[in-house]
């Protein structure tokens, strides 16, 4: 498994899930610790998503190396 496949399959969805978990932690009324660190959790998820979204998928990377599609 290449890094691009790993990114597309695991890292990008994990960062999106982390952002959603941070929003849920912000809105829940039971745990003060989760509420306290919710902004940090969302920020880590956001930075991870920004990094993983700039890594192109496997096909686009191959086309870019070959010179792009011909029309």
Protein backbone atom coordinates (compact mmCIF):
# COMPACT_ATOMS: atom_id res chain seq x y z
CA UNK A 1 0.00 0.00 0.00
CA UNK A 2 1.45 3.34 -1.04
CA UNK A 3 1.30 6.48 1.04
CA UNK A 4 -1.28 7.99 -1.31
CA UNK A 5 -3.56 4.98 -0.87
CA UNK A 6 -3.02 5.10 2.89
CA UNK A 7 -3.90 8.79 2.90
CA UNK A 8 -7.04 8.30 0.83
CA UNK A 9 -8.23 5.29 2.81
CA UNK A 10 -7.34 6.13 6.43
CA UNK A 11 -5.76 9.52 7.12
CA UNK A 12 -8.24 11.82 5.40
CA UNK A 13 -11.35 10.15 6.90
CA UNK A 14 -9.66 10.05 10.31
CA UNK A 15 -9.02 13.79 10.26
CA UNK A 16 -12.63 14.46 9.22
CA UNK A 17 -13.85 12.19 12.03
CA UNK A 18 -11.62 14.03 14.50
CA UNK A 19 -13.15 17.37 13.50
CA UNK A 20 -16.66 15.97 13.96
CA UNK A 21 -15.68 14.51 17.33
CA UNK A 22 -14.39 17.95 18.38
CA UNK A 23 -17.75 19.53 17.52
CA UNK A 24 -19.59 16.83 19.47
CA UNK A 25 -17.21 17.33 22.43
CA UNK A 26 -17.95 21.05 22.34
CA UNK A 27 -21.72 20.56 22.47
CA UNK A 28 -21.99 17.79 25.06
CA UNK A 29 -22.86 18.75 28.67
CA UNK A 30 -21.44 15.76 30.63
CA UNK A 31 -17.66 15.98 30.61
CA UNK A 32 -15.84 19.20 31.39
CA UNK A 33 -12.52 17.76 30.14
CA UNK A 34 -13.98 17.02 26.69
CA UNK A 35 -15.52 20.47 26.56
CA UNK A 36 -12.26 22.10 27.62
CA UNK A 37 -10.19 20.41 24.89
CA UNK A 38 -12.81 20.45 22.13
CA UNK A 39 -11.27 23.44 20.33
CA UNK A 40 -7.87 21.74 20.40
CA UNK A 41 -9.37 18.53 19.03
CA UNK A 42 -11.09 20.43 16.22
CA UNK A 43 -7.90 22.33 15.42
CA UNK A 44 -5.82 19.13 15.21
CA UNK A 45 -8.47 17.63 12.91
CA UNK A 46 -8.51 20.76 10.76
CA UNK A 47 -4.73 20.87 10.36
CA UNK A 48 -4.72 17.16 9.54
CA UNK A 49 -7.45 17.65 6.96
CA UNK A 50 -5.62 20.57 5.36
CA UNK A 51 -2.48 18.47 5.03
CA UNK A 52 -4.20 15.32 3.76
CA UNK A 53 -6.42 17.17 1.29
CA UNK A 54 -3.38 18.55 -0.53
CA UNK A 55 -2.03 15.07 -1.31
CA UNK A 56 -3.41 14.07 -4.73
CA UNK A 57 -4.94 10.60 -5.25
CA UNK A 58 -2.99 7.85 -7.00
CA UNK A 59 -4.37 8.43 -10.54
CA UNK A 60 -3.83 12.19 -10.54
CA UNK A 61 -0.26 11.76 -9.32
CA UNK A 62 0.53 9.33 -12.15
CA UNK A 63 -1.00 11.64 -14.77
CA UNK A 64 0.97 14.60 -13.46
CA UNK A 65 4.22 12.66 -13.76
CA UNK A 66 3.40 11.60 -17.33
CA UNK A 67 2.62 15.12 -18.44
CA UNK A 68 -1.13 15.12 -17.97
CA UNK A 69 -3.95 13.82 -20.12
CA UNK A 70 -3.84 14.51 -23.86
CA UNK A 71 -6.85 15.95 -25.63
